[in-house]
């Protein structure tokens, strides 16, 4: 199993030990662009044309609610890929 598959499995299992950079990597691979916070905030916003923006704080460990948001994005992207075939 590749590192990418392991990462996606950890997200789907709602792992508690995920890092911000791992979630960023997944979101950017699906076409999201990261925007830095303003005025000292720790919340980064990820945007993609045609999709709702997602805001994730850069804290360790990442709270479960943010992992769930990324999990929903991964699932919808997989579904879109299946329909495209």
N, C-alpha and C. Protein backbone atom coordinates (compact mmCIF):
# COMPACT_ATOMS: atom_id res chain seq x y z
N UNK A 1 0.85 -1.17 0.00
CA UNK A 1 0.00 0.00 0.00
C UNK A 1 0.90 1.24 0.00
N UNK A 2 0.61 2.19 -0.87
CA UNK A 2 1.44 3.39 -0.98
C UNK A 2 1.18 4.36 0.19
N UNK A 3 2.07 5.32 0.33
CA UNK A 3 1.90 6.32 1.39
C UNK A 3 0.60 7.09 1.20
N UNK A 4 0.28 7.38 -0.06
CA UNK A 4 -0.94 8.12 -0.36
C UNK A 4 -2.17 7.33 0.08
N UNK A 5 -2.20 6.04 -0.23
CA UNK A 5 -3.32 5.19 0.17
C UNK A 5 -3.44 5.11 1.68
N UNK A 6 -2.30 5.02 2.36
CA UNK A 6 -2.30 4.98 3.82
C UNK A 6 -2.86 6.28 4.40
N UNK A 7 -2.47 7.41 3.81
CA UNK A 7 -2.96 8.70 4.27
C UNK A 7 -4.47 8.80 4.08
N UNK A 8 -4.96 8.40 2.92
CA UNK A 8 -6.41 8.43 2.68
C UNK A 8 -7.16 7.51 3.62
N UNK A 9 -6.56 6.36 3.94
CA UNK A 9 -7.19 5.43 4.88
C UNK A 9 -7.26 6.04 6.27
N UNK A 10 -6.19 6.73 6.68
CA UNK A 10 -6.20 7.38 7.99
C UNK A 10 -7.27 8.46 8.05
N UNK A 11 -7.46 9.18 6.95
CA UNK A 11 -8.50 10.21 6.92
C UNK A 11 -9.88 9.55 6.99
N UNK A 12 -10.08 8.49 6.24
CA UNK A 12 -11.39 7.83 6.25
C UNK A 12 -11.70 7.19 7.60
N UNK A 13 -10.65 6.82 8.35
CA UNK A 13 -10.85 6.26 9.69
C UNK A 13 -10.91 7.34 10.76
N UNK A 14 -10.84 8.62 10.35
CA UNK A 14 -10.88 9.76 11.25
C UNK A 14 -9.79 9.66 12.32
N UNK A 15 -8.59 9.38 11.88
CA UNK A 15 -7.45 9.24 12.78
C UNK A 15 -7.23 10.53 13.57
N UNK A 16 -6.82 10.37 14.83
CA UNK A 16 -6.61 11.53 15.70
C UNK A 16 -5.20 12.10 15.60
N UNK A 17 -4.31 11.43 14.89
CA UNK A 17 -2.92 11.88 14.85
C UNK A 17 -2.53 12.49 13.50
N UNK A 18 -3.49 13.04 12.78
CA UNK A 18 -3.19 13.68 11.50
C UNK A 18 -2.60 15.07 11.73
N UNK A 19 -1.70 15.47 10.84
CA UNK A 19 -1.09 16.79 10.93
C UNK A 19 -1.70 17.71 9.89
N UNK A 20 -1.56 19.00 10.13
CA UNK A 20 -2.08 20.02 9.21
C UNK A 20 -1.50 19.83 7.81
N UNK A 21 -0.20 19.58 7.74
CA UNK A 21 0.46 19.43 6.44
C UNK A 21 -0.08 18.25 5.64
N UNK A 22 -0.52 17.20 6.33
CA UNK A 22 -1.10 16.05 5.63
C UNK A 22 -2.45 16.42 5.02
N UNK A 23 -3.27 17.14 5.77
CA UNK A 23 -4.56 17.56 5.23
C UNK A 23 -4.36 18.55 4.09
N UNK A 24 -3.38 19.45 4.24
CA UNK A 24 -3.08 20.40 3.17
C UNK A 24 -2.68 19.67 1.89
N UNK A 25 -1.86 18.65 2.03
CA UNK A 25 -1.40 17.88 0.87
C UNK A 25 -2.59 17.25 0.13
N UNK A 26 -3.52 16.69 0.88
CA UNK A 26 -4.69 16.05 0.28
C UNK A 26 -5.56 17.09 -0.43
N UNK A 27 -5.84 18.20 0.25
CA UNK A 27 -6.69 19.23 -0.36
C UNK A 27 -6.06 19.81 -1.61
N UNK A 28 -4.75 20.07 -1.57
CA UNK A 28 -4.08 20.63 -2.74
C UNK A 28 -4.05 19.63 -3.90
N UNK A 29 -4.00 18.35 -3.58
CA UNK A 29 -4.00 17.35 -4.66
C UNK A 29 -5.35 17.30 -5.38
N UNK A 30 -6.40 17.73 -4.71
CA UNK A 30 -7.73 17.77 -5.33
C UNK A 30 -8.05 19.14 -5.91
N UNK A 31 -7.05 20.01 -6.03
CA UNK A 31 -7.24 21.28 -6.71
C UNK A 31 -7.54 22.46 -5.83
N UNK A 32 -7.49 22.30 -4.52
CA UNK A 32 -7.73 23.42 -3.61
C UNK A 32 -6.47 24.26 -3.50
N UNK A 33 -6.65 25.57 -3.32
CA UNK A 33 -5.54 26.49 -3.14
C UNK A 33 -5.58 27.01 -1.71
N UNK A 34 -4.42 27.03 -1.05
CA UNK A 34 -4.36 27.47 0.34
C UNK A 34 -4.11 28.98 0.38
N UNK A 35 -4.88 29.67 1.21
CA UNK A 35 -4.71 31.10 1.42
C UNK A 35 -4.31 31.32 2.87
N UNK A 36 -3.24 32.09 3.05
CA UNK A 36 -2.70 32.35 4.37
C UNK A 36 -3.62 33.26 5.18
N UNK A 37 -3.56 33.11 6.50
CA UNK A 37 -4.41 33.95 7.36
C UNK A 37 -3.90 35.38 7.40
N UNK A 38 -4.76 36.27 7.82
CA UNK A 38 -4.39 37.67 7.95
C UNK A 38 -4.23 38.01 9.43
N UNK A 39 -3.41 38.97 9.68
CA UNK A 39 -3.23 39.58 11.01
C UNK A 39 -3.04 38.56 12.13
N UNK A 40 -2.14 37.63 11.95
CA UNK A 40 -1.75 36.74 13.04
C UNK A 40 -2.68 35.58 13.33
N UNK A 41 -3.67 35.36 12.53
CA UNK A 41 -4.58 34.24 12.75
C UNK A 41 -3.89 32.93 12.37
N UNK A 42 -4.38 31.84 12.91
CA UNK A 42 -3.80 30.53 12.59
C UNK A 42 -4.72 29.72 11.68
N UNK A 43 -5.78 30.32 11.18
CA UNK A 43 -6.75 29.62 10.35
C UNK A 43 -6.45 29.84 8.87
N UNK A 44 -6.19 28.75 8.16
CA UNK A 44 -5.91 28.78 6.73
C UNK A 44 -7.17 28.39 5.97
N UNK A 45 -7.42 29.08 4.86
CA UNK A 45 -8.60 28.81 4.05
C UNK A 45 -8.16 28.14 2.75
N UNK A 46 -8.88 27.09 2.39
CA UNK A 46 -8.64 26.36 1.15
C UNK A 46 -9.83 26.60 0.23
N UNK A 47 -9.54 27.04 -0.99
CA UNK A 47 -10.61 27.34 -1.95
C UNK A 47 -10.41 26.59 -3.25
N UNK A 48 -11.55 26.25 -3.86
CA UNK A 48 -11.56 25.61 -5.17
C UNK A 48 -12.78 26.16 -5.90
N UNK A 49 -12.61 26.48 -7.16
CA UNK A 49 -13.71 27.04 -7.94
C UNK A 49 -14.87 26.03 -7.98
N UNK A 50 -16.06 26.51 -7.66
CA UNK A 50 -17.25 25.68 -7.69
C UNK A 50 -17.49 24.89 -6.40
N UNK A 51 -16.63 25.07 -5.39
CA UNK A 51 -16.78 24.35 -4.12
C UNK A 51 -16.79 25.32 -2.95
N UNK A 52 -17.36 24.88 -1.86
CA UNK A 52 -17.36 25.68 -0.64
C UNK A 52 -15.94 25.78 -0.10
N UNK A 53 -15.53 26.95 0.40
CA UNK A 53 -14.21 27.03 1.02
C UNK A 53 -14.19 26.27 2.35
N UNK A 54 -13.03 25.80 2.72
CA UNK A 54 -12.87 25.09 3.98
C UNK A 54 -11.76 25.79 4.76
N UNK A 55 -12.00 26.07 6.03
CA UNK A 55 -11.03 26.75 6.88
C UNK A 55 -10.56 25.78 7.95
N UNK A 56 -9.24 25.65 8.05
CA UNK A 56 -8.64 24.72 9.01
C UNK A 56 -7.58 25.46 9.81
N UNK A 57 -7.65 25.38 11.16
CA UNK A 57 -6.61 26.00 11.97
C UNK A 57 -5.34 25.15 11.97
N UNK A 58 -4.21 25.82 12.02
CA UNK A 58 -2.94 25.10 12.03
C UNK A 58 -2.55 24.82 13.48
N UNK A 59 -3.20 23.82 14.04
CA UNK A 59 -2.93 23.37 15.40
C UNK A 59 -2.60 21.89 15.34
N UNK A 60 -1.83 21.44 16.28
CA UNK A 60 -1.51 20.01 16.37
C UNK A 60 -2.07 19.49 17.69
N UNK A 61 -2.78 18.42 17.74
CA UNK A 61 -3.32 17.65 16.62
C UNK A 61 -4.56 18.33 16.04
N UNK A 62 -4.90 17.95 14.84
CA UNK A 62 -6.08 18.50 14.17
C UNK A 62 -7.33 17.90 14.82
N UNK A 63 -8.31 18.75 15.09
CA UNK A 63 -9.56 18.25 15.69
C UNK A 63 -10.33 17.40 14.69
N UNK A 64 -11.11 16.50 15.24
CA UNK A 64 -11.85 15.52 14.45
C UNK A 64 -12.80 16.17 13.44
N UNK A 65 -13.40 17.30 13.81
CA UNK A 65 -14.36 17.96 12.93
C UNK A 65 -13.71 18.38 11.61
N UNK A 66 -12.44 18.80 11.65
CA UNK A 66 -11.75 19.22 10.43
C UNK A 66 -11.37 18.01 9.58
N UNK A 67 -11.03 16.92 10.24
CA UNK A 67 -10.73 15.68 9.51
C UNK A 67 -12.00 15.19 8.82
N UNK A 68 -13.14 15.33 9.48
CA UNK A 68 -14.41 14.92 8.87
C UNK A 68 -14.71 15.75 7.62
N UNK A 69 -14.40 17.06 7.66
CA UNK A 69 -14.61 17.91 6.49
C UNK A 69 -13.76 17.44 5.31
N UNK A 70 -12.51 17.13 5.59
CA UNK A 70 -11.62 16.67 4.52
C UNK A 70 -12.07 15.30 4.02
N UNK A 71 -12.56 14.46 4.92
CA UNK A 71 -13.06 13.14 4.53
C UNK A 71 -14.22 13.29 3.55
N UNK A 72 -15.13 14.22 3.81
CA UNK A 72 -16.26 14.45 2.90
C UNK A 72 -15.78 14.91 1.53
N UNK A 73 -14.75 15.74 1.51
CA UNK A 73 -14.20 16.21 0.24
C UNK A 73 -13.59 15.05 -0.53
N UNK A 74 -12.82 14.21 0.16
CA UNK A 74 -12.20 13.05 -0.48
C UNK A 74 -13.28 12.14 -1.06
N UNK A 75 -14.32 11.87 -0.28
CA UNK A 75 -15.40 10.99 -0.75
C UNK A 75 -16.11 11.58 -1.96
N UNK A 76 -16.35 12.89 -1.96
CA UNK A 76 -17.04 13.50 -3.10
C UNK A 76 -16.14 13.50 -4.33
N UNK A 77 -14.84 13.68 -4.15
CA UNK A 77 -13.91 13.64 -5.28
C UNK A 77 -13.83 12.24 -5.87
N UNK A 78 -13.83 11.23 -5.02
CA UNK A 78 -13.81 9.84 -5.50
C UNK A 78 -15.09 9.54 -6.27
N UNK A 79 -16.20 10.03 -5.76
CA UNK A 79 -17.49 9.82 -6.44
C UNK A 79 -17.48 10.50 -7.80
N UNK A 80 -16.94 11.72 -7.86
CA UNK A 80 -16.87 12.44 -9.13
C UNK A 80 -15.99 11.71 -10.12
N UNK A 81 -14.90 11.12 -9.65
CA UNK A 81 -14.02 10.35 -10.52
C UNK A 81 -14.73 9.12 -11.08
N UNK A 82 -15.57 8.47 -10.25
CA UNK A 82 -16.29 7.29 -10.69
C UNK A 82 -17.32 7.66 -11.77
N UNK A 83 -17.97 8.82 -11.61
CA UNK A 83 -18.95 9.25 -12.61
C UNK A 83 -18.30 9.65 -13.91
N UNK A 84 -17.07 10.14 -13.84
CA UNK A 84 -16.36 10.59 -15.04
C UNK A 84 -15.95 9.41 -15.91
N UNK A 85 -15.79 8.25 -15.33
CA UNK A 85 -15.34 7.08 -16.10
C UNK A 85 -16.42 6.47 -16.92
